[in-house]
C-alpha atoms as a PDB file:
ATOM      1  CA  UNK A   1     -30.531 -76.781 112.633  1.00  0.00           C
ATOM      2  CA  UNK A   2     -29.310 -73.678 114.404  1.00  0.00           C
ATOM      3  CA  UNK A   3     -27.984 -72.285 111.174  1.00  0.00           C
ATOM      4  CA  UNK A   4     -31.362 -72.734 109.419  1.00  0.00           C
ATOM      5  CA  UNK A   5     -33.174 -71.157 112.371  1.00  0.00           C
ATOM      6  CA  UNK A   6     -30.837 -68.137 112.308  1.00  0.00           C
ATOM      7  CA  UNK A   7     -31.319 -67.758 108.573  1.00  0.00           C
ATOM      8  CA  UNK A   8     -35.094 -67.628 108.921  1.00  0.00           C
ATOM      9  CA  UNK A   9     -34.853 -65.105 111.757  1.00  0.00           C
ATOM     10  CA  UNK A  10     -32.715 -62.836 109.562  1.00  0.00           C
ATOM     11  CA  UNK A  11     -35.216 -62.998 106.679  1.00  0.00           C
ATOM     12  CA  UNK A  12     -38.098 -62.229 109.072  1.00  0.00           C
ATOM     13  CA  UNK A  13     -36.263 -59.262 110.526  1.00  0.00           C
ATOM     14  CA  UNK A  14     -35.705 -57.769 107.087  1.00  0.00           C
ATOM     15  CA  UNK A  15     -39.224 -58.460 105.833  1.00  0.00           C
ATOM     16  CA  UNK A  16     -41.145 -57.348 108.916  1.00  0.00           C
ATOM     17  CA  UNK A  17     -41.008 -53.556 108.271  1.00  0.00           C
ATOM     18  CA  UNK A  18     -42.421 -54.039 104.758  1.00  0.00           C
ATOM     19  CA  UNK A  19     -45.220 -56.268 106.041  1.00  0.00           C
ATOM     20  CA  UNK A  20     -46.255 -53.750 108.678  1.00  0.00           C
ATOM     21  CA  UNK A  21     -45.970 -50.721 106.377  1.00  0.00           C
ATOM     22  CA  UNK A  22     -43.039 -49.292 108.263  1.00  0.00           C
ATOM     23  CA  UNK A  23     -40.432 -49.706 105.580  1.00  0.00           C
ATOM     24  CA  UNK A  24     -38.147 -46.729 105.138  1.00  0.00           C
ATOM     25  CA  UNK A  25     -39.375 -44.403 102.449  1.00  0.00           C
ATOM     26  CA  UNK A  26     -36.783 -43.105  99.991  1.00  0.00           C
ATOM     27  CA  UNK A  27     -37.133 -39.392  99.336  1.00  0.00           C
ATOM     28  CA  UNK A  28     -38.511 -38.662  95.857  1.00  0.00           C
ATOM     29  CA  UNK A  29     -36.575 -36.168  93.825  1.00  0.00           C
ATOM     30  CA  UNK A  30     -38.484 -34.483  90.992  1.00  0.00           C
ATOM     31  CA  UNK A  31     -36.464 -32.900  88.220  1.00  0.00           C
ATOM     32  CA  UNK A  32     -37.934 -29.499  87.625  1.00  0.00           C
ATOM     33  CA  UNK A  33     -38.772 -28.634  84.023  1.00  0.00           C
ATOM     34  CA  UNK A  34     -36.747 -25.750  82.654  1.00  0.00           C
ATOM     35  CA  UNK A  35     -38.652 -22.501  83.018  1.00  0.00           C
ATOM     36  CA  UNK A  36     -40.374 -21.199  79.909  1.00  0.00           C
ATOM     37  CA  UNK A  37     -38.759 -18.118  78.459  1.00  0.00           C
ATOM     38  CA  UNK A  38     -40.692 -14.947  79.218  1.00  0.00           C
ATOM     39  CA  UNK A  39     -43.035 -13.862  76.460  1.00  0.00           C
ATOM     40  CA  UNK A  40     -41.571 -11.187  74.213  1.00  0.00           C
ATOM     41  CA  UNK A  41     -43.414  -7.978  73.449  1.00  0.00           C
ATOM     42  CA  UNK A  42     -43.893  -6.441  70.031  1.00  0.00           C
ATOM     43  CA  UNK A  43     -41.353  -3.760  70.865  1.00  0.00           C
ATOM     44  CA  UNK A  44     -38.762  -6.345  71.976  1.00  0.00           C
ATOM     45  CA  UNK A  45     -39.183  -8.447  68.828  1.00  0.00           C
ATOM     46  CA  UNK A  46     -38.863  -5.377  66.618  1.00  0.00           C
ATOM     47  CA  UNK A  47     -35.812  -4.109  68.516  1.00  0.00           C
ATOM     48  CA  UNK A  48     -34.013  -7.453  68.199  1.00  0.00           C
ATOM     49  CA  UNK A  49     -34.810  -7.752  64.490  1.00  0.00           C
ATOM     50  CA  UNK A  50     -33.866  -4.130  63.803  1.00  0.00           C
ATOM     51  CA  UNK A  51     -30.506  -4.429  65.568  1.00  0.00           C
ATOM     52  CA  UNK A  52     -29.571  -7.475  63.481  1.00  0.00           C
ATOM     53  CA  UNK A  53     -30.776  -5.926  60.214  1.00  0.00           C
ATOM     54  CA  UNK A  54     -29.105  -2.576  60.865  1.00  0.00           C
ATOM     55  CA  UNK A  55     -25.750  -4.306  61.350  1.00  0.00           C
ATOM     56  CA  UNK A  56     -25.754  -5.287  57.651  1.00  0.00           C
ATOM     57  CA  UNK A  57     -24.268  -2.639  55.352  1.00  0.00           C
ATOM     58  CA  UNK A  58     -23.136  -4.814  52.465  1.00  0.00           C
ATOM     59  CA  UNK A  59     -23.946  -8.403  51.638  1.00  0.00           C
ATOM     60  CA  UNK A  60     -22.398 -10.882  49.225  1.00  0.00           C
ATOM     61  CA  UNK A  61     -24.161 -14.229  48.873  1.00  0.00           C
ATOM     62  CA  UNK A  62     -22.962 -17.281  46.985  1.00  0.00           C
ATOM     63  CA  UNK A  63     -26.260 -19.009  46.235  1.00  0.00           C
ATOM     64  CA  UNK A  64     -28.117 -21.612  44.298  1.00  0.00           C
ATOM     65  CA  UNK A  65     -31.014 -19.693  42.782  1.00  0.00           C
ATOM     66  CA  UNK A  66     -34.020 -21.164  41.049  1.00  0.00           C
ATOM     67  CA  UNK A  67     -37.731 -21.041  40.396  1.00  0.00           C
ATOM     68  CA  UNK A  68     -40.366 -23.648  41.135  1.00  0.00           C
ATOM     69  CA  UNK A  69     -42.804 -22.530  38.423  1.00  0.00           C
ATOM     70  CA  UNK A  70     -40.984 -22.402  35.094  1.00  0.00           C
ATOM     71  CA  UNK A  71     -42.441 -21.794  31.623  1.00  0.00           C
ATOM     72  CA  UNK A  72     -43.018 -25.111  29.860  1.00  0.00           C
ATOM     73  CA  UNK A  73     -42.810 -24.031  26.252  1.00  0.00           C
ATOM     74  CA  UNK A  74     -40.254 -22.731  23.792  1.00  0.00           C
ATOM     75  CA  UNK A  75     -36.485 -22.691  23.660  1.00  0.00           C
ATOM     76  CA  UNK A  76     -36.074 -21.198  27.120  1.00  0.00           C
ATOM     77  CA  UNK A  77     -37.958 -24.051  28.766  1.00  0.00           C
ATOM     78  CA  UNK A  78     -35.842 -26.561  26.856  1.00  0.00           C
ATOM     79  CA  UNK A  79     -32.653 -24.875  28.064  1.00  0.00           C
ATOM     80  CA  UNK A  80     -33.818 -24.805  31.656  1.00  0.00           C
ATOM     81  CA  UNK A  81     -35.169 -28.349  31.552  1.00  0.00           C
ATOM     82  CA  UNK A  82     -31.788 -29.538  30.316  1.00  0.00           C
ATOM     83  CA  UNK A  83     -30.061 -27.995  33.337  1.00  0.00           C
ATOM     84  CA  UNK A  84     -30.804 -31.112  35.368  1.00  0.00           C
ATOM     85  CA  UNK A  85     -28.175 -33.052  33.423  1.00  0.00           C
ATOM     86  CA  UNK A  86     -26.016 -30.075  32.463  1.00  0.00           C
ATOM     87  CA  UNK A  87     -25.232 -29.547  36.118  1.00  0.00           C
ATOM     88  CA  UNK A  88     -28.252 -27.781  37.580  1.00  0.00           C
ATOM     89  CA  UNK A  89     -29.458 -28.905  40.988  1.00  0.00           C
ATOM     90  CA  UNK A  90     -32.898 -29.986  42.103  1.00  0.00           C
ATOM     91  CA  UNK A  91     -33.572 -28.667  45.598  1.00  0.00           C
ATOM     92  CA  UNK A  92     -36.679 -29.303  47.635  1.00  0.00           C
ATOM     93  CA  UNK A  93     -37.936 -27.056  50.414  1.00  0.00           C
ATOM     94  CA  UNK A  94     -41.334 -26.050  51.731  1.00  0.00           C
ATOM     95  CA  UNK A  95     -43.039 -28.813  49.746  1.00  0.00           C
ATOM     96  CA  UNK A  96     -41.751 -27.530  46.392  1.00  0.00           C
ATOM     97  CA  UNK A  97     -38.979 -28.609  44.049  1.00  0.00           C
ATOM     98  CA  UNK A  98     -36.711 -25.939  42.597  1.00  0.00           C
ATOM     99  CA  UNK A  99     -34.435 -26.318  39.592  1.00  0.00           C
ATOM    100  CA  UNK A 100     -31.476 -24.149  40.525  1.00  0.00           C
ATOM    101  CA  UNK A 101     -28.309 -22.729  39.009  1.00  0.00           C
ATOM    102  CA  UNK A 102     -25.286 -21.221  40.713  1.00  0.00           C
ATOM    103  CA  UNK A 103     -25.389 -17.489  41.239  1.00  0.00           C
ATOM    104  CA  UNK A 104     -24.467 -14.482  43.314  1.00  0.00           C
ATOM    105  CA  UNK A 105     -26.366 -11.740  45.096  1.00  0.00           C
ATOM    106  CA  UNK A 106     -24.788  -8.427  46.074  1.00  0.00           C
ATOM    107  CA  UNK A 107     -26.488  -5.836  48.236  1.00  0.00           C
ATOM    108  CA  UNK A 108     -25.173  -2.410  49.143  1.00  0.00           C
ATOM    109  CA  UNK A 109     -27.376  -0.223  51.263  1.00  0.00           C
ATOM    110  CA  UNK A 110     -29.455   1.741  50.953  1.00  0.00           C
ATOM    111  CA  UNK A 111     -30.859  -0.143  47.938  1.00  0.00           C
ATOM    112  CA  UNK A 112     -28.283  -1.181  45.331  1.00  0.00           C
ATOM    113  CA  UNK A 113     -28.736  -4.770  44.184  1.00  0.00           C
ATOM    114  CA  UNK A 114     -27.150  -7.198  41.735  1.00  0.00           C
ATOM    115  CA  UNK A 115     -28.198 -10.810  41.281  1.00  0.00           C
ATOM    116  CA  UNK A 116     -27.369 -13.232  38.491  1.00  0.00           C
ATOM    117  CA  UNK A 117     -27.458 -16.935  37.695  1.00  0.00           C
ATOM    118  CA  UNK A 118     -24.980 -18.858  35.547  1.00  0.00           C
ATOM    119  CA  UNK A 119     -25.909 -21.592  33.100  1.00  0.00           C
ATOM    120  CA  UNK A 120     -24.217 -24.798  34.240  1.00  0.00           C
ATOM    121  CA  UNK A 121     -21.446 -26.331  32.135  1.00  0.00           C
ATOM    122  CA  UNK A 122     -22.243 -24.301  29.016  1.00  0.00           C
ATOM    123  CA  UNK A 123     -21.376 -21.049  30.807  1.00  0.00           C
ATOM    124  CA  UNK A 124     -22.940 -17.632  30.320  1.00  0.00           C
ATOM    125  CA  UNK A 125     -25.703 -15.958  32.288  1.00  0.00           C
ATOM    126  CA  UNK A 126     -29.155 -17.454  32.648  1.00  0.00           C
ATOM    127  CA  UNK A 127     -30.302 -14.027  33.868  1.00  0.00           C
ATOM    128  CA  UNK A 128     -28.760 -10.846  35.254  1.00  0.00           C
ATOM    129  CA  UNK A 129     -30.587  -8.278  37.408  1.00  0.00           C
ATOM    130  CA  UNK A 130     -29.161  -4.927  38.542  1.00  0.00           C
ATOM    131  CA  UNK A 131     -30.591  -1.878  40.288  1.00  0.00           C
ATOM    132  CA  UNK A 132     -29.251   1.413  41.622  1.00  0.00           C
ATOM    133  CA  UNK A 133     -32.257   1.740  43.916  1.00  0.00           C
ATOM    134  CA  UNK A 134     -34.426   3.756  41.521  1.00  0.00           C
ATOM    135  CA  UNK A 135     -34.128   1.987  38.188  1.00  0.00           C
ATOM    136  CA  UNK A 136     -33.423  -1.601  37.223  1.00  0.00           C
ATOM    137  CA  UNK A 137     -32.121  -3.603  34.265  1.00  0.00           C
ATOM    138  CA  UNK A 138     -32.919  -7.265  33.701  1.00  0.00           C
ATOM    139  CA  UNK A 139     -30.957  -9.132  31.046  1.00  0.00           C
ATOM    140  CA  UNK A 140     -32.288 -12.458  29.733  1.00  0.00           C
ATOM    141  CA  UNK A 141     -29.632 -13.654  27.262  1.00  0.00           C
ATOM    142  CA  UNK A 142     -31.283 -17.011  26.580  1.00  0.00           C
ATOM    143  CA  UNK A 143     -34.275 -15.272  24.997  1.00  0.00           C
ATOM    144  CA  UNK A 144     -32.449 -12.167  23.747  1.00  0.00           C
ATOM    145  CA  UNK A 145     -34.390  -9.661  25.879  1.00  0.00           C
ATOM    146  CA  UNK A 146     -33.378  -6.704  28.032  1.00  0.00           C
ATOM    147  CA  UNK A 147     -36.007  -5.205  30.352  1.00  0.00           C
ATOM    148  CA  UNK A 148     -35.400  -1.826  31.972  1.00  0.00           C
ATOM    149  CA  UNK A 149     -37.529   0.550  33.984  1.00  0.00           C
ATOM    150  CA  UNK A 150     -38.464   1.922  37.371  1.00  0.00           C
ATOM    151  CA  UNK A 151     -38.239  -0.127  40.536  1.00  0.00           C
ATOM    152  CA  UNK A 152     -41.719   0.891  41.642  1.00  0.00           C
ATOM    153  CA  UNK A 153     -43.439  -0.339  38.477  1.00  0.00           C
ATOM    154  CA  UNK A 154     -45.145  -3.713  38.737  1.00  0.00           C
ATOM    155  CA  UNK A 155     -44.380  -6.235  35.975  1.00  0.00           C
ATOM    156  CA  UNK A 156     -46.664  -5.795  32.982  1.00  0.00           C
ATOM    157  CA  UNK A 157     -45.716  -9.063  31.313  1.00  0.00           C
ATOM    158  CA  UNK A 158     -47.098 -12.437  32.306  1.00  0.00           C
ATOM    159  CA  UNK A 159     -44.980 -14.660  30.125  1.00  0.00           C
ATOM    160  CA  UNK A 160     -42.545 -16.202  32.591  1.00  0.00           C
ATOM    161  CA  UNK A 161     -41.321 -15.989  36.186  1.00  0.00           C
ATOM    162  CA  UNK A 162     -37.884 -14.715  35.174  1.00  0.00           C
ATOM    163  CA  UNK A 163     -39.405 -11.853  33.204  1.00  0.00           C
ATOM    164  CA  UNK A 164     -41.291 -10.847  36.331  1.00  0.00           C
ATOM    165  CA  UNK A 165     -38.199 -10.565  38.538  1.00  0.00           C
ATOM    166  CA  UNK A 166     -37.978  -7.137  40.124  1.00  0.00           C
ATOM    167  CA  UNK A 167     -35.439  -5.797  42.634  1.00  0.00           C
ATOM    168  CA  UNK A 168     -38.129  -4.320  44.880  1.00  0.00           C
ATOM    169  CA  UNK A 169     -39.469  -7.751  45.880  1.00  0.00           C
ATOM    170  CA  UNK A 170     -36.009  -9.174  46.512  1.00  0.00           C
ATOM    171  CA  UNK A 171     -35.058  -6.154  48.615  1.00  0.00           C
ATOM    172  CA  UNK A 172     -38.287  -6.486  50.587  1.00  0.00           C
ATOM    173  CA  UNK A 173     -37.620 -10.135  51.314  1.00  0.00           C
ATOM    174  CA  UNK A 174     -34.005  -9.790  52.457  1.00  0.00           C
ATOM    175  CA  UNK A 175     -33.931  -9.559  56.282  1.00  0.00           C
ATOM    176  CA  UNK A 176     -31.470  -6.685  56.112  1.00  0.00           C
ATOM    177  CA  UNK A 177     -33.676  -3.623  56.559  1.00  0.00           C
ATOM    178  CA  UNK A 178     -35.020  -2.404  59.917  1.00  0.00           C
ATOM    179  CA  UNK A 179     -38.720  -1.742  60.391  1.00  0.00           C
ATOM    180  CA  UNK A 180     -39.321   1.995  59.813  1.00  0.00           C
ATOM    181  CA  UNK A 181     -39.676   3.799  63.121  1.00  0.00           C
ATOM    182  CA  UNK A 182     -42.884   5.510  61.968  1.00  0.00           C
ATOM    183  CA  UNK A 183     -44.655   2.174  61.451  1.00  0.00           C
ATOM    184  CA  UNK A 184     -47.075   0.925  64.084  1.00  0.00           C
ATOM    185  CA  UNK A 185     -46.587  -2.513  65.637  1.00  0.00           C
ATOM    186  CA  UNK A 186     -49.170  -4.854  67.133  1.00  0.00           C
ATOM    187  CA  UNK A 187     -49.005  -8.455  68.335  1.00  0.00           C
ATOM    188  CA  UNK A 188     -51.812 -10.531  66.835  1.00  0.00           C
ATOM    189  CA  UNK A 189     -52.951 -14.118  67.531  1.00  0.00           C
ATOM    190  CA  UNK A 190     -50.839 -16.831  65.952  1.00  0.00           C
ATOM    191  CA  UNK A 191     -49.948 -20.471  66.428  1.00  0.00           C
ATOM    192  CA  UNK A 192     -48.860 -21.749  69.839  1.00  0.00           C
ATOM    193  CA  UNK A 193     -45.130 -21.722  69.084  1.00  0.00           C
ATOM    194  CA  UNK A 194     -44.893 -18.437  67.226  1.00  0.00           C
ATOM    195  CA  UNK A 195     -45.136 -14.710  67.632  1.00  0.00           C
ATOM    196  CA  UNK A 196     -47.080 -12.875  64.948  1.00  0.00           C
ATOM    197  CA  UNK A 197     -46.298  -9.193  64.544  1.00  0.00           C
ATOM    198  CA  UNK A 198     -48.429  -6.879  62.404  1.00  0.00           C
ATOM    199  CA  UNK A 199     -46.738  -3.837  60.890  1.00  0.00           C
ATOM    200  CA  UNK A 200     -48.902  -0.912  59.791  1.00  0.00           C
ATOM    201  CA  UNK A 201     -47.979   2.302  58.023  1.00  0.00           C
ATOM    202  CA  UNK A 202     -49.878   5.527  57.497  1.00  0.00           C
ATOM    203  CA  UNK A 203     -51.551   6.349  54.186  1.00  0.00           C
ATOM    204  CA  UNK A 204     -51.970   9.714  52.490  1.00  0.00           C
ATOM    205  CA  UNK A 205     -55.567   9.748  53.720  1.00  0.00           C
ATOM    206  CA  UNK A 206     -54.396   9.430  57.315  1.00  0.00           C
ATOM    207  CA  UNK A 207     -55.486   5.818  57.728  1.00  0.00           C
ATOM    208  CA  UNK A 208     -53.305   2.914  58.873  1.00  0.00           C
ATOM    209  CA  UNK A 209     -52.620   0.170  56.353  1.00  0.00           C
ATOM    210  CA  UNK A 210     -51.145  -3.259  57.090  1.00  0.00           C
ATOM    211  CA  UNK A 211     -47.986  -3.616  55.017  1.00  0.00           C
ATOM    212  CA  UNK A 212     -46.731  -6.916  56.393  1.00  0.00           C
ATOM    213  CA  UNK A 213     -46.948  -9.573  59.063  1.00  0.00           C
ATOM    214  CA  UNK A 214     -43.763 -10.922  60.614  1.00  0.00           C
ATOM    215  CA  UNK A 215     -43.759 -14.394  62.164  1.00  0.00           C
ATOM    216  CA  UNK A 216     -41.087 -15.273  64.738  1.00  0.00           C
ATOM    217  CA  UNK A 217     -40.351 -18.564  66.475  1.00  0.00           C
ATOM    218  CA  UNK A 218     -40.944 -18.523  70.246  1.00  0.00           C
ATOM    219  CA  UNK A 219     -38.129 -20.972  71.008  1.00  0.00           C
ATOM    220  CA  UNK A 220     -35.590 -18.758  69.260  1.00  0.00           C
ATOM    221  CA  UNK A 221     -37.106 -15.399  68.318  1.00  0.00           C
ATOM    222  CA  UNK A 222     -35.742 -15.180  64.784  1.00  0.00           C
ATOM    223  CA  UNK A 223     -37.786 -14.184  61.783  1.00  0.00           C
ATOM    224  CA  UNK A 224     -39.346 -17.253  60.138  1.00  0.00           C
ATOM    225  CA  UNK A 225     -41.794 -15.727  57.685  1.00  0.00           C
ATOM    226  CA  UNK A 226     -43.040 -12.432  56.268  1.00  0.00           C
ATOM    227  CA  UNK A 227     -46.317 -11.810  54.484  1.00  0.00           C
ATOM    228  CA  UNK A 228     -46.496  -8.542  52.550  1.00  0.00           C
ATOM    229  CA  UNK A 229     -49.741  -6.828  51.545  1.00  0.00           C
ATOM    230  CA  UNK A 230     -50.519  -4.417  48.737  1.00  0.00           C
ATOM    231  CA  UNK A 231     -52.696  -1.314  48.938  1.00  0.00           C
ATOM    232  CA  UNK A 232     -55.820  -3.420  48.434  1.00  0.00           C
ATOM    233  CA  UNK A 233     -55.014  -5.615  51.422  1.00  0.00           C
ATOM    234  CA  UNK A 234     -54.129  -8.627  49.272  1.00  0.00           C
ATOM    235  CA  UNK A 235     -51.023 -10.724  49.731  1.00  0.00           C
ATOM    236  CA  UNK A 236     -48.330  -9.510  47.359  1.00  0.00           C
ATOM    237  CA  UNK A 237     -45.294 -11.478  48.550  1.00  0.00           C
ATOM    238  CA  UNK A 238     -44.554 -14.282  51.009  1.00  0.00           C
ATOM    239  CA  UNK A 239     -40.999 -14.856  52.218  1.00  0.00           C
ATOM    240  CA  UNK A 240     -39.800 -17.790  54.338  1.00  0.00           C
ATOM    241  CA  UNK A 241     -36.509 -18.078  56.230  1.00  0.00           C
ATOM    242  CA  UNK A 242     -34.838 -21.269  57.472  1.00  0.00           C
ATOM    243  CA  UNK A 243     -31.617 -22.516  59.065  1.00  0.00           C
ATOM    244  CA  UNK A 244     -30.004 -19.408  60.485  1.00  0.00           C
ATOM    245  CA  UNK A 245     -26.242 -19.126  60.860  1.00  0.00           C
ATOM    246  CA  UNK A 246     -24.299 -16.435  62.687  1.00  0.00           C
ATOM    247  CA  UNK A 247     -21.505 -14.761  60.727  1.00  0.00           C
ATOM    248  CA  UNK A 248     -19.490 -11.845  62.063  1.00  0.00           C
ATOM    249  CA  UNK A 249     -22.041 -11.453  64.840  1.00  0.00           C
ATOM    250  CA  UNK A 250     -25.006 -11.217  62.432  1.00  0.00           C
ATOM    251  CA  UNK A 251     -27.671 -13.910  62.065  1.00  0.00           C
ATOM    252  CA  UNK A 252     -28.691 -14.726  58.484  1.00  0.00           C
ATOM    253  CA  UNK A 253     -30.791 -17.582  57.043  1.00  0.00           C
ATOM    254  CA  UNK A 254     -29.256 -20.244  54.835  1.00  0.00           C
ATOM    255  CA  UNK A 255     -32.493 -20.628  52.881  1.00  0.00           C
ATOM    256  CA  UNK A 256     -34.877 -17.915  51.659  1.00  0.00           C
ATOM    257  CA  UNK A 257     -37.926 -18.569  49.524  1.00  0.00           C
ATOM    258  CA  UNK A 258     -40.039 -15.881  47.879  1.00  0.00           C
ATOM    259  CA  UNK A 259     -43.529 -16.558  46.625  1.00  0.00           C
ATOM    260  CA  UNK A 260     -45.428 -14.087  44.511  1.00  0.00           C
ATOM    261  CA  UNK A 261     -48.963 -15.538  44.796  1.00  0.00           C
ATOM    262  CA  UNK A 262     -50.095 -16.924  41.477  1.00  0.00           C
ATOM    263  CA  UNK A 263     -46.912 -15.894  39.695  1.00  0.00           C
ATOM    264  CA  UNK A 264     -43.713 -17.617  40.785  1.00  0.00           C
ATOM    265  CA  UNK A 265     -41.672 -19.055  43.635  1.00  0.00           C
ATOM    266  CA  UNK A 266     -37.991 -18.184  43.946  1.00  0.00           C
ATOM    267  CA  UNK A 267     -35.373 -19.983  46.026  1.00  0.00           C
ATOM    268  CA  UNK A 268     -32.120 -18.523  47.353  1.00  0.00           C
ATOM    269  CA  UNK A 269     -30.060 -21.259  48.991  1.00  0.00           C
ATOM    270  CA  UNK A 270     -26.687 -20.226  50.387  1.00  0.00           C
ATOM    271  CA  UNK A 271     -23.824 -22.526  49.444  1.00  0.00           C
ATOM    272  CA  UNK A 272     -21.437 -20.946  51.946  1.00  0.00           C
ATOM    273  CA  UNK A 273     -21.515 -18.458  54.785  1.00  0.00           C
ATOM    274  CA  UNK A 274     -22.553 -14.935  53.746  1.00  0.00           C
ATOM    275  CA  UNK A 275     -19.918 -12.233  53.408  1.00  0.00           C
ATOM    276  CA  UNK A 276     -21.289  -9.417  55.555  1.00  0.00           C
ATOM    277  CA  UNK A 277     -19.676  -5.959  55.534  1.00  0.00           C
ATOM    278  CA  UNK A 278     -16.501  -7.293  53.956  1.00  0.00           C
ATOM    279  CA  UNK A 279     -14.423  -5.204  51.567  1.00  0.00           C
ATOM    280  CA  UNK A 280     -14.916  -6.119  47.919  1.00  0.00           C
ATOM    281  CA  UNK A 281     -13.931  -4.119  44.808  1.00  0.00           C
ATOM    282  CA  UNK A 282     -17.369  -4.785  43.311  1.00  0.00           C
ATOM    283  CA  UNK A 283     -18.981  -2.433  45.815  1.00  0.00           C
ATOM    284  CA  UNK A 284     -16.805   0.451  44.621  1.00  0.00           C
ATOM    285  CA  UNK A 285     -17.475  -0.120  40.919  1.00  0.00           C
ATOM    286  CA  UNK A 286     -20.397   1.895  39.502  1.00  0.00           C
ATOM    287  CA  UNK A 287     -20.862  -0.756  36.802  1.00  0.00           C
ATOM    288  CA  UNK A 288     -21.745  -3.388  39.389  1.00  0.00           C
ATOM    289  CA  UNK A 289     -25.279  -2.075  39.823  1.00  0.00           C
ATOM    290  CA  UNK A 290     -26.034  -1.164  36.203  1.00  0.00           C
ATOM    291  CA  UNK A 291     -26.285  -3.217  32.995  1.00  0.00           C
ATOM    292  CA  UNK A 292     -26.044  -2.469  29.295  1.00  0.00           C
ATOM    293  CA  UNK A 293     -28.042  -4.441  26.711  1.00  0.00           C
ATOM    294  CA  UNK A 294     -26.168  -6.993  24.651  1.00  0.00           C
ATOM    295  CA  UNK A 295     -25.905  -6.252  20.911  1.00  0.00           C
ATOM    296  CA  UNK A 296     -29.102  -7.293  19.185  1.00  0.00           C
ATOM    297  CA  UNK A 297     -31.121  -7.706  22.378  1.00  0.00           C
ATOM    298  CA  UNK A 298     -34.770  -6.691  22.261  1.00  0.00           C
ATOM    299  CA  UNK A 299     -35.216  -3.775  24.683  1.00  0.00           C
ATOM    300  CA  UNK A 300     -38.432  -3.609  26.676  1.00  0.00           C
ATOM    301  CA  UNK A 301     -38.841  -0.303  28.483  1.00  0.00           C
ATOM    302  CA  UNK A 302     -40.917  -0.045  31.634  1.00  0.00           C
ATOM    303  CA  UNK A 303     -40.317   3.556  32.619  1.00  0.00           C
ATOM    304  CA  UNK A 304     -44.051   4.251  32.825  1.00  0.00           C
ATOM    305  CA  UNK A 305     -46.054   2.264  35.336  1.00  0.00           C
ATOM    306  CA  UNK A 306     -48.922   0.418  33.698  1.00  0.00           C
ATOM    307  CA  UNK A 307     -51.558  -1.874  35.214  1.00  0.00           C
ATOM    308  CA  UNK A 308     -49.903  -5.163  36.096  1.00  0.00           C
ATOM    309  CA  UNK A 309     -50.929  -8.128  33.972  1.00  0.00           C
ATOM    310  CA  UNK A 310     -52.311 -11.224  35.623  1.00  0.00           C
ATOM    311  CA  UNK A 311     -49.784 -14.048  35.630  1.00  0.00           C
ATOM    312  CA  UNK A 312     -50.231 -17.042  33.388  1.00  0.00           C
ATOM    313  CA  UNK A 313     -51.814 -20.051  35.073  1.00  0.00           C
ATOM    314  CA  UNK A 314     -49.243 -22.617  36.161  1.00  0.00           C
ATOM    315  CA  UNK A 315     -49.572 -25.695  33.962  1.00  0.00           C
END
């Protein structure tokens, strides 16, 4: 009996503080949320981008290159369509599917460029593009054509995306060139998780003209997208950048897509880390950035700028 009485006394002693509201209160510890990074200014975004871009002097990319909008007629389409089982790769990004081939891109500043794609299994070049910064040559062996002309001339043919390839658009899209110091910068409204930077340049008439918008991520202020505008204020090129890697202290995206509105979409997907500022005999060879037409190739000269043709509608 005494043991039962003692047991009930012990339970009452423990329970009494809770019944009367006098139970000990355990201190509540709130875990503070990490502070938000301070908002960047237009000048800070430009300075960070410029420092990274200026660090690149030469660039060698091992890439899968391909187009989303391919011509669907003739021998060339048959060759490209067959790439899927000849060894070409289907890659999807940004809601589009790209049929790609292996290729290389070489850049030597200020503006020398070489880019080519190789036909899978059968060998040979699907296309070959070279430029010394002023003039370009574009070889299309599968259709027996060789296009040459000035970099600043817009394509005058509307027959296929590959025929419309020009070094100026590729150079614009590569995140390897600092924003010119004379350009004016302004932060403009964008989505909640992005910075949107407008870049304006002066015209001959003394006005300011928007040449591009640069979109950066707020969580990691790296360039995610660029929208370029022509002299009429219309979008001329859209470039997207994904999956950055840091090589030799320089950040560079693994995936770049270029979209020429209404004309074509081009994918550059790195298959290994970029070679940045590394010695390579190709950069010392004058033939690297110039091409000669193959025997029997049809030569199309574009040394005089003509009104650009509207692209064919995508089937």
